[in-house]
Amino acid sequence: MSESTRRPNAGRRELIKFAGASLFLLVTPVGQAAINRQQGVLAVRVWPAADYTRVTIELGAPLKFSHFTIKDPDRLVVDLEGIELNSVLDGLGSKITADDPNIKLLRAGRFKPGVVRLVMELKNEVRPQVFELAPVGNYGHRLVLDVYPLEPPDPLMQFLARNEFNTDVADDNAAEKGKPSQDPVETARAEKPSKRKPIVDRLVTITIDPGHGGEDPGAVGRGGSLEKNVTLSIARRLKAKIDAEPNMRAVLTRDTDFFVPLQMRVQKARRIRSDLFLSIHADAFVRPDANGSSVFALSENGASSSAARYLAQKENEADLIGGANLNVKDPMLARTLLDLSQTATISDSLKLGKEVLNEIGGINRLHKGSVEQAGFAVLKAPDIPSILVETAFISNPEEERRLNDEAYQNKMAEAIIAGIRKYFAKNPPLAKSKLARLD
């Protein structure tokens, strides 16, 4: 912006070229700022990731909006009606980092009285989704701009590209042996090769789901810790330990701080034909003395306790807080999630949960000594044994400190993988065809 436009001059307008249209940039006077505080933009947050980049605009009141795309170069244009520029929108461009996978630039300008135009310059062609979210939790009205790459990363293709989905274990081990790698997990494996006999006789894949992320912080500890950060840290440690096991590989549903809708977490696991699904969380309660770790599985016949029912309801609200576009449905996935005739899978989930719970009991008090059950949406894959691990109560000051301690995170990851080993020792995985199904 030029020096002249930065000077507070309510009567001065400068014509600028903006997204193929002539826009007028109005420097807002003090009187208009008071209106903006009531009706305008309160905050803008950006969540970049390889899967997609999300821009969230939080507002004091609902507004009308429209959007369209422009080619050569690729741009997304969004018109916000009923507001004027304010300092939040004026600083929009600083929110975009150079390493954002999808967005090159983002800027705002006054298109006409009462209409602000946002222009998003894109690094590649995208599939945009623009939708509103009603107030929930600590958030007011939100307008969400999601830009998905036209060809988003495919977890199955990533596995194939990294030679990690070859079910011929001998070939897989031969391919890995002696190959230099920059991956810290592979480096650790090379430096400290496992002497354990493989528990399984084929390559098994395990999906690890760090709970919450992005717009959804999860529970917040009294010391300010965010559940989404704790779960990601523990999940990364668990992935490293699984990848170092003979004949095992793990994939994360998210590897950075962005929101993944609950159904998409299940879909990612099914896409790579996972053998197990583990969702990592940190519990919270209104009383700070609540403590202990828990393990949950899906229930077909109602929750096993009122506490389990409450927790499932709370976790299932993640889509509302994180901001899933409920207007976009995957019919195949919807049918999958509605299919509750999964007695065998739930039985295996309970077996897995019992082994993991027993191991976790060695490092922390158990909130309840048995695996509980409730209708967790993230556990509804009909063909994958799935559990949800509440690692500790982040609302408990002492357990919050432990959850942020690297040694405890490492112990928790080690306890979970020890439970996985014992589960597979008693329940060997069935053989799979070498090609994963693509549905």
Protein backbone atom coordinates (compact mmCIF):
# COMPACT_ATOMS: atom_id res chain seq x y z
CA MET A 1 0.00 0.00 0.00
CA SER A 2 1.31 3.47 -0.85
CA GLU A 3 2.23 6.08 1.74
CA SER A 4 -0.75 8.19 0.69
CA THR A 5 -3.28 5.44 1.42
CA ARG A 6 -1.80 4.81 4.84
CA ARG A 7 -2.49 8.38 5.99
CA PRO A 8 -5.91 8.73 7.74
CA ASN A 9 -7.89 10.69 5.14
CA ALA A 10 -11.56 9.80 5.04
CA GLY A 11 -12.19 11.84 1.92
CA ARG A 12 -9.49 10.31 -0.21
CA ARG A 13 -10.00 7.33 -2.49
CA GLU A 14 -7.46 5.70 -4.70
CA LEU A 15 -8.39 3.64 -7.72
CA ILE A 16 -6.62 0.29 -7.74
CA LYS A 17 -6.67 -2.68 -10.07
CA PHE A 18 -8.00 -5.68 -8.17
CA ALA A 19 -8.96 -9.12 -9.57
CA GLY A 20 -9.76 -7.82 -13.00
CA ALA A 21 -12.13 -5.16 -11.62
CA SER A 22 -11.65 -1.55 -10.57
CA LEU A 23 -11.92 -1.29 -6.80
CA PHE A 24 -12.01 1.69 -4.51
CA LEU A 25 -10.04 1.44 -1.29
CA LEU A 26 -11.60 3.44 1.51
CA VAL A 27 -9.61 4.26 4.64
CA THR A 28 -12.20 3.84 7.36
CA PRO A 29 -12.78 6.79 9.72
CA VAL A 30 -13.16 6.44 13.46
CA GLY A 31 -16.95 6.57 13.30
CA GLN A 32 -17.13 3.66 10.85
CA ALA A 33 -14.77 1.59 13.02
CA ALA A 34 -17.40 1.52 15.77
CA ILE A 35 -19.88 -0.02 13.32
CA ASN A 36 -17.28 -2.54 12.15
CA ARG A 37 -16.73 -3.73 15.70
CA GLN A 38 -20.38 -4.72 15.83
CA GLN A 39 -20.96 -6.01 12.31
CA GLY A 40 -17.55 -6.45 10.73
CA VAL A 41 -14.73 -8.97 10.74
CA LEU A 42 -13.46 -9.89 14.22
CA ALA A 43 -10.66 -12.27 13.26
CA VAL A 44 -9.10 -14.13 10.35
CA ARG A 45 -7.32 -17.48 10.81
CA VAL A 46 -5.43 -19.49 8.18
CA TRP A 47 -4.69 -23.24 8.43
CA PRO A 48 -2.37 -24.42 5.61
CA ALA A 49 -1.91 -28.13 4.88
CA ALA A 50 -1.15 -30.37 1.93
CA ASP A 51 -4.69 -31.78 2.10
CA TYR A 52 -6.25 -28.31 1.82
CA THR A 53 -5.87 -24.77 3.12
CA ARG A 54 -8.60 -23.22 5.22
CA VAL A 55 -9.26 -19.51 5.75
CA THR A 56 -11.77 -18.75 8.50
CA ILE A 57 -13.32 -15.30 8.81
CA GLU A 58 -15.03 -14.72 12.15
CA LEU A 59 -17.78 -12.11 12.18
CA GLY A 60 -19.92 -10.27 14.69
CA ALA A 61 -23.09 -11.03 12.73
CA PRO A 62 -24.12 -13.16 9.73
CA LEU A 63 -23.67 -11.58 6.30
CA LYS A 64 -24.43 -12.18 2.65
CA PHE A 65 -21.60 -13.39 0.47
CA SER A 66 -20.95 -14.64 -3.04
CA HIS A 67 -17.90 -16.16 -4.68
CA PHE A 68 -16.50 -17.10 -8.08
CA THR A 69 -13.21 -18.24 -9.59
CA ILE A 70 -11.02 -16.68 -12.26
CA LYS A 71 -8.47 -18.41 -14.52
CA ASP A 72 -5.02 -17.32 -15.74
CA PRO A 73 -3.91 -16.95 -13.04
CA ASP A 74 -6.15 -19.03 -10.81
CA ARG A 75 -7.97 -16.93 -8.23
CA LEU A 76 -10.89 -17.27 -5.82
CA VAL A 77 -12.92 -14.08 -5.35
CA VAL A 78 -15.31 -13.64 -2.42
CA ASP A 79 -17.58 -10.61 -1.95
CA LEU A 80 -18.68 -9.82 1.61
CA GLU A 81 -21.79 -7.66 1.80
CA GLY A 82 -22.78 -5.31 4.60
CA ILE A 83 -19.31 -4.54 5.98
CA GLU A 84 -16.47 -2.10 5.41
CA LEU A 85 -12.74 -2.58 5.64
CA ASN A 86 -11.24 -2.68 9.10
CA SER A 87 -7.77 -3.31 10.50
CA VAL A 88 -8.33 -7.08 10.58
CA LEU A 89 -9.04 -7.27 6.86
CA ASP A 90 -6.33 -4.73 6.11
CA GLY A 91 -3.75 -7.14 7.54
CA LEU A 92 -5.08 -10.13 5.66
CA GLY A 93 -2.03 -10.54 3.43
CA SER A 94 0.31 -11.14 6.36
CA LYS A 95 -1.62 -14.29 7.28
CA ILE A 96 -0.35 -16.19 4.22
CA THR A 97 3.09 -17.77 4.53
CA ALA A 98 5.41 -18.51 1.62
CA ASP A 99 5.22 -22.25 2.25
CA ASP A 100 1.43 -22.45 2.04
CA PRO A 101 0.84 -25.35 -0.39
CA ASN A 102 -2.21 -23.78 -2.02
CA ILE A 103 -2.43 -20.01 -1.55
CA LYS A 104 0.02 -17.51 -3.01
CA LEU A 105 -1.54 -14.22 -1.91
CA LEU A 106 -4.67 -13.02 -0.12
CA ARG A 107 -5.86 -9.43 -0.08
CA ALA A 108 -8.98 -7.36 0.60
CA GLY A 109 -10.31 -4.12 -0.83
CA ARG A 110 -13.51 -2.08 -0.94
CA PHE A 111 -15.41 -3.10 -4.07
CA LYS A 112 -18.32 -0.72 -3.57
CA PRO A 113 -20.10 0.85 -0.60
CA GLY A 114 -20.90 -1.87 1.91
CA VAL A 115 -19.08 -4.59 -0.04
CA VAL A 116 -15.56 -5.85 0.63
CA ARG A 117 -13.92 -8.08 -1.96
CA LEU A 118 -11.39 -10.76 -1.01
CA VAL A 119 -9.07 -12.05 -3.71
CA MET A 120 -7.12 -15.25 -3.15
CA GLU A 121 -4.32 -15.91 -5.65
CA LEU A 122 -3.73 -19.64 -5.89
CA LYS A 123 -0.62 -21.69 -6.57
CA ASN A 124 -2.59 -24.27 -8.54
CA GLU A 125 -6.11 -25.08 -9.65
CA VAL A 126 -8.38 -25.87 -6.71
CA ARG A 127 -11.87 -27.02 -5.79
CA PRO A 128 -13.14 -24.29 -3.47
CA GLN A 129 -15.78 -24.71 -0.79
CA VAL A 130 -17.23 -21.56 0.77
CA PHE A 131 -19.78 -22.00 3.55
CA GLU A 132 -21.12 -20.50 6.80
CA LEU A 133 -20.96 -21.85 10.33
CA ALA A 134 -23.31 -20.81 13.10
CA PRO A 135 -21.86 -19.67 16.45
CA VAL A 136 -20.57 -22.57 18.56
CA GLY A 137 -18.29 -22.81 21.57
CA ASN A 138 -16.11 -19.70 21.76
CA TYR A 139 -16.66 -18.85 18.10
CA GLY A 140 -19.09 -16.34 16.62
CA HIS A 141 -20.41 -16.48 13.07
CA ARG A 142 -17.80 -17.92 10.71
CA LEU A 143 -17.34 -17.87 6.97
CA VAL A 144 -15.06 -20.69 5.83
CA LEU A 145 -13.01 -20.66 2.63
CA ASP A 146 -11.59 -24.12 1.93
CA VAL A 147 -9.39 -24.60 -1.13
CA TYR A 148 -8.71 -28.22 -2.04
CA PRO A 149 -6.08 -29.12 -4.63
CA LEU A 150 -7.65 -30.48 -7.80
CA GLU A 151 -5.57 -33.59 -7.19
CA PRO A 152 -5.32 -33.87 -3.38
CA PRO A 153 -2.77 -36.16 -1.73
CA ASP A 154 -3.98 -39.74 -1.72
CA PRO A 155 -2.80 -41.75 1.30
CA LEU A 156 -2.85 -44.97 -0.72
CA MET A 157 -0.76 -43.49 -3.51
CA GLN A 158 1.63 -42.05 -0.94
CA PHE A 159 2.03 -45.53 0.51
CA LEU A 160 2.67 -47.00 -2.90
CA ALA A 161 5.13 -44.25 -3.79
CA ARG A 162 7.10 -44.90 -0.61
CA ASN A 163 7.00 -48.68 -1.15
CA GLU A 164 5.19 -49.00 2.16
CA PHE A 165 2.12 -50.88 1.01
CA ASN A 166 3.80 -53.94 -0.44
CA THR A 167 2.25 -56.90 1.37
CA ASP A 168 5.18 -59.12 0.35
CA VAL A 169 7.19 -58.64 3.53
CA ALA A 170 10.39 -60.12 2.16
CA ASP A 171 10.41 -57.77 -0.80
CA ASP A 172 9.54 -54.85 1.44
CA ASN A 173 12.38 -55.56 3.86
CA ALA A 174 14.81 -56.04 1.00
CA ALA A 175 13.82 -52.71 -0.51
CA GLU A 176 14.35 -50.95 2.81
CA LYS A 177 17.61 -52.66 3.75
CA GLY A 178 20.64 -50.45 3.36
CA LYS A 179 18.73 -47.64 1.63
CA PRO A 180 19.82 -44.18 2.78
CA SER A 181 16.99 -42.02 4.13
CA GLN A 182 16.41 -38.55 5.46
CA ASP A 183 13.35 -39.71 7.37
CA PRO A 184 14.09 -39.57 11.14
CA VAL A 185 12.06 -42.74 11.69
CA GLU A 186 14.09 -44.64 9.10
CA THR A 187 17.30 -43.21 10.54
CA ALA A 188 16.31 -44.38 14.01
CA ARG A 189 15.50 -47.82 12.61
CA ALA A 190 18.90 -48.05 10.95
CA GLU A 191 20.74 -46.92 14.07
CA LYS A 192 18.84 -49.21 16.42
CA PRO A 193 17.47 -52.19 14.50
CA SER A 194 14.81 -54.16 16.31
CA LYS A 195 15.92 -57.58 17.55
CA ARG A 196 12.36 -58.67 18.24
CA LYS A 197 10.87 -61.44 16.17
CA PRO A 198 8.08 -60.02 13.99
CA ILE A 199 4.71 -60.39 15.67
CA VAL A 200 3.00 -60.54 12.28
CA ASP A 201 3.99 -62.37 9.11
CA ARG A 202 2.90 -59.66 6.68
CA LEU A 203 3.07 -55.91 6.55
CA VAL A 204 0.24 -54.43 8.62
CA THR A 205 -0.88 -50.82 8.45
CA ILE A 206 -2.14 -48.83 11.41
CA THR A 207 -3.92 -45.49 11.17
CA ILE A 208 -3.22 -43.09 14.03
CA ASP A 209 -5.72 -40.28 14.44
CA PRO A 210 -4.55 -37.25 16.47
CA GLY A 211 -7.83 -35.83 17.77
CA HIS A 212 -9.06 -32.33 16.87
CA GLY A 213 -6.82 -29.83 15.01
CA GLY A 214 -7.02 -26.49 13.24
CA GLU A 215 -10.17 -24.57 14.17
CA ASP A 216 -10.98 -27.26 16.73
CA PRO A 217 -8.53 -26.99 19.67
CA GLY A 218 -10.22 -29.75 21.64
CA ALA A 219 -10.07 -29.43 25.42
CA VAL A 220 -8.02 -26.63 26.93
CA GLY A 221 -6.03 -27.21 30.12
CA ARG A 222 -5.95 -24.77 33.00
CA GLY A 223 -2.38 -23.97 32.07
CA GLY A 224 -3.41 -23.17 28.49
CA SER A 225 -2.41 -26.47 26.88
CA LEU A 226 -4.44 -27.44 23.83
CA GLU A 227 -5.59 -31.01 23.34
CA LYS A 228 -4.91 -30.83 19.59
CA ASN A 229 -1.20 -30.20 20.22
CA VAL A 230 -0.82 -32.93 22.82
CA THR A 231 -2.55 -35.52 20.65
CA LEU A 232 -0.39 -34.71 17.63
CA SER A 233 2.81 -34.97 19.67
CA ILE A 234 1.86 -38.37 21.14
CA ALA A 235 0.65 -39.59 17.74
CA ARG A 236 3.96 -38.70 16.10
CA ARG A 237 5.86 -40.61 18.78
CA LEU A 238 3.57 -43.60 18.36
CA LYS A 239 4.02 -43.53 14.59
CA ALA A 240 7.80 -43.57 14.99
CA LYS A 241 7.61 -46.61 17.25
CA ILE A 242 5.24 -48.48 14.93
CA ASP A 243 7.37 -47.72 11.89
CA ALA A 244 10.40 -49.12 13.73
CA GLU A 245 8.59 -52.43 14.32
CA PRO A 246 9.22 -55.35 11.96
CA ASN A 247 6.43 -55.60 9.39
CA MET A 248 4.44 -52.61 10.66
CA ARG A 249 3.76 -49.16 9.20
CA ALA A 250 1.65 -46.27 10.48
CA VAL A 251 -0.04 -43.31 8.84
CA LEU A 252 -1.42 -40.19 10.52
CA THR A 253 -4.82 -38.74 9.63
CA ARG A 254 -3.17 -35.33 10.08
CA ASP A 255 0.52 -34.56 10.47
CA THR A 256 0.18 -30.81 11.09
CA ASP A 257 -2.30 -28.44 12.71
CA PHE A 258 -5.40 -28.58 10.51
CA PHE A 259 -8.94 -29.86 10.93
CA VAL A 260 -10.02 -33.21 9.50
CA PRO A 261 -13.78 -33.98 9.55
CA LEU A 262 -14.66 -37.13 11.48
CA GLN A 263 -15.91 -39.04 8.44
CA MET A 264 -12.74 -38.16 6.51
CA ARG A 265 -10.62 -39.69 9.28
CA VAL A 266 -12.49 -42.96 8.82
CA GLN A 267 -12.25 -42.66 5.04
CA LYS A 268 -8.48 -42.21 5.17
CA ALA A 269 -8.12 -45.38 7.22
CA ARG A 270 -10.30 -47.39 4.84
CA ARG A 271 -8.51 -45.97 1.80
CA ILE A 272 -5.27 -47.68 2.79
CA ARG A 273 -7.03 -50.78 4.14
CA SER A 274 -5.77 -50.23 7.67
CA ASP A 275 -5.59 -53.18 10.02
CA LEU A 276 -6.18 -51.00 13.08
CA PHE A 277 -7.41 -47.48 13.83
CA LEU A 278 -6.36 -45.60 16.98
CA SER A 279 -7.74 -42.16 17.84
CA ILE A 280 -5.66 -40.25 20.40
CA HIS A 281 -7.31 -37.75 22.78
CA ALA A 282 -6.87 -36.01 26.14
CA ASP A 283 -9.95 -35.98 28.36
CA ALA A 284 -11.50 -33.02 30.19
CA PHE A 285 -14.11 -32.51 32.87
CA VAL A 286 -15.58 -29.58 34.77
CA ARG A 287 -13.92 -30.72 38.01
CA PRO A 288 -10.13 -30.37 38.02
CA ASP A 289 -9.65 -33.45 40.21
CA ALA A 290 -10.94 -35.87 37.53
CA ASN A 291 -7.98 -37.99 36.44
CA GLY A 292 -6.84 -41.16 34.76
CA SER A 293 -6.61 -42.76 31.32
CA SER A 294 -9.38 -44.56 29.43
CA VAL A 295 -9.95 -46.63 26.31
CA PHE A 296 -13.20 -46.68 24.32
CA ALA A 297 -14.67 -48.79 21.54
CA LEU A 298 -17.82 -48.41 19.46
CA SER A 299 -21.14 -49.63 20.81
CA GLU A 300 -24.08 -51.04 18.88
CA ASN A 301 -26.43 -50.98 21.85
CA GLY A 302 -25.96 -47.66 23.60
CA ALA A 303 -23.21 -46.34 25.84
CA SER A 304 -21.77 -48.47 28.64
CA SER A 305 -22.06 -45.55 31.08
CA SER A 306 -23.38 -42.02 31.28
CA ALA A 307 -19.78 -40.76 31.26
CA ALA A 308 -19.06 -42.66 28.03
CA ARG A 309 -22.24 -41.26 26.47
CA TYR A 310 -21.27 -37.72 27.48
CA LEU A 311 -17.77 -38.12 26.07
CA ALA A 312 -19.03 -39.51 22.76
CA GLN A 313 -21.46 -36.60 22.39
CA LYS A 314 -18.65 -34.16 23.11
CA GLU A 315 -16.23 -35.77 20.66
CA ASN A 316 -18.90 -36.03 17.97
CA GLU A 317 -19.35 -32.26 18.15
CA ALA A 318 -15.87 -31.82 16.65
CA ASP A 319 -17.34 -31.28 13.18
CA LEU A 320 -19.42 -28.37 14.48
CA ILE A 321 -16.47 -26.71 16.21
CA GLY A 322 -13.84 -27.59 13.61
CA GLY A 323 -16.16 -26.62 10.79
CA ALA A 324 -17.11 -29.50 8.51
CA ASN A 325 -19.10 -28.60 5.41
CA LEU A 326 -22.18 -30.68 6.11
CA ASN A 327 -23.60 -29.93 2.66
CA VAL A 328 -20.90 -32.04 1.00
CA LYS A 329 -21.64 -35.73 1.40
CA ASP A 330 -19.92 -38.87 0.19
CA PRO A 331 -22.82 -41.32 -0.42
CA MET A 332 -20.57 -44.37 -0.18
CA LEU A 333 -19.10 -43.18 3.09
CA ALA A 334 -22.52 -42.24 4.46
CA ARG A 335 -23.70 -45.79 3.85
CA THR A 336 -20.58 -47.11 5.53
CA LEU A 337 -21.09 -45.04 8.66
CA LEU A 338 -24.73 -46.04 8.90
CA ASP A 339 -23.81 -49.70 8.70
CA LEU A 340 -23.76 -50.76 12.33
CA SER A 341 -23.86 -54.50 11.63
CA GLN A 342 -20.23 -54.80 12.65
CA THR A 343 -20.33 -57.16 15.59
CA ALA A 344 -17.10 -58.93 14.66
CA THR A 345 -15.20 -55.67 14.26
CA ILE A 346 -16.44 -54.37 17.61
CA SER A 347 -15.40 -57.64 19.25
CA ASP A 348 -11.87 -57.21 17.87
CA SER A 349 -11.91 -53.55 18.97
CA LEU A 350 -12.68 -54.63 22.53
CA LYS A 351 -9.81 -57.13 22.45
CA LEU A 352 -7.42 -54.47 21.19
CA GLY A 353 -8.73 -51.97 23.72
CA LYS A 354 -8.23 -54.39 26.61
CA GLU A 355 -4.57 -54.99 25.71
CA VAL A 356 -3.87 -51.27 25.32
CA LEU A 357 -5.71 -50.41 28.54
CA ASN A 358 -3.71 -52.98 30.50
CA GLU A 359 -0.44 -51.47 29.27
CA ILE A 360 -1.52 -47.88 29.94
CA GLY A 361 -2.40 -48.92 33.49
CA GLY A 362 1.30 -49.42 34.06
CA ILE A 363 2.10 -45.73 33.55
CA ASN A 364 -1.03 -43.92 34.77
CA ARG A 365 -4.08 -44.45 36.92
CA LEU A 366 -7.01 -45.86 34.96
CA HIS A 367 -10.20 -43.82 35.07
CA LYS A 368 -12.07 -47.10 34.67
CA GLY A 369 -10.60 -50.58 34.65
CA SER A 370 -12.41 -51.83 31.56
CA VAL A 371 -12.91 -50.73 27.96
CA GLU A 372 -16.00 -48.54 27.71
CA GLN A 373 -18.31 -48.25 24.71
CA ALA A 374 -20.34 -45.47 23.11
CA GLY A 375 -21.37 -44.17 19.69
CA PHE A 376 -18.15 -42.42 18.63
CA ALA A 377 -18.47 -41.35 14.99
CA VAL A 378 -14.72 -41.68 14.43
CA LEU A 379 -14.80 -45.38 15.38
CA LYS A 380 -17.46 -46.42 12.86
CA ALA A 381 -15.31 -48.10 10.21
CA PRO A 382 -17.20 -51.38 9.79
CA ASP A 383 -14.13 -53.40 8.81
CA ILE A 384 -11.31 -51.97 10.98
CA PRO A 385 -10.88 -52.65 14.71
CA SER A 386 -10.94 -49.14 16.18
CA ILE A 387 -10.33 -47.66 19.62
CA LEU A 388 -10.20 -44.19 21.14
CA VAL A 389 -7.53 -43.59 23.79
CA GLU A 390 -8.01 -40.82 26.35
CA THR A 391 -4.38 -40.45 27.43
CA ALA A 392 -5.11 -38.41 30.59
CA PHE A 393 -7.23 -35.48 31.80
CA ILE A 394 -5.85 -32.24 30.37
CA SER A 395 -8.27 -30.44 32.72
CA ASN A 396 -6.36 -31.84 35.70
CA PRO A 397 -3.36 -29.56 36.43
CA GLU A 398 -1.06 -32.44 37.37
CA GLU A 399 -2.01 -34.57 34.38
CA GLU A 400 -1.79 -31.51 32.12
CA ARG A 401 1.86 -31.17 33.15
CA ARG A 402 2.44 -34.85 32.43
CA LEU A 403 0.78 -34.61 29.03
CA ASN A 404 3.25 -31.88 28.08
CA ASP A 405 6.22 -33.88 29.35
CA GLU A 406 8.17 -35.62 26.61
CA ALA A 407 9.01 -38.55 28.87
CA TYR A 408 5.32 -39.19 29.62
CA GLN A 409 4.38 -38.82 25.96
CA ASN A 410 7.03 -41.39 25.12
CA LYS A 411 5.79 -43.77 27.84
CA MET A 412 2.22 -43.41 26.58
CA ALA A 413 3.30 -44.21 23.00
CA GLU A 414 5.30 -47.21 24.25
CA ALA A 415 2.35 -48.48 26.28
CA ILE A 416 0.03 -48.26 23.28
CA ILE A 417 2.40 -50.13 20.98
CA ALA A 418 2.99 -52.76 23.65
CA GLY A 419 -0.77 -53.33 23.69
CA ILE A 420 -0.79 -53.57 19.90
CA ARG A 421 1.96 -56.22 20.00
CA LYS A 422 0.01 -58.30 22.52
CA TYR A 423 -3.17 -57.95 20.49
CA PHE A 424 -1.52 -59.20 17.30
CA ALA A 425 0.22 -62.03 19.18
CA LYS A 426 -3.21 -63.33 20.19
CA ASN A 427 -5.09 -62.24 17.05
CA PRO A 428 -2.85 -62.60 13.97
CA PRO A 429 -4.08 -60.47 11.05
CA LEU A 430 -5.67 -62.28 8.15
CA ALA A 431 -3.92 -62.40 4.80
CA LYS A 432 -4.68 -59.62 2.33
CA SER A 433 -4.40 -59.41 -1.40
CA LYS A 434 -1.38 -57.42 -2.61
CA LEU A 435 -3.56 -54.74 -4.14
CA ALA A 436 -5.55 -52.51 -1.85
CA ARG A 437 -9.09 -51.88 -2.97
CA LEU A 438 -9.68 -48.36 -4.21
CA ASP A 439 -13.24 -47.82 -2.98
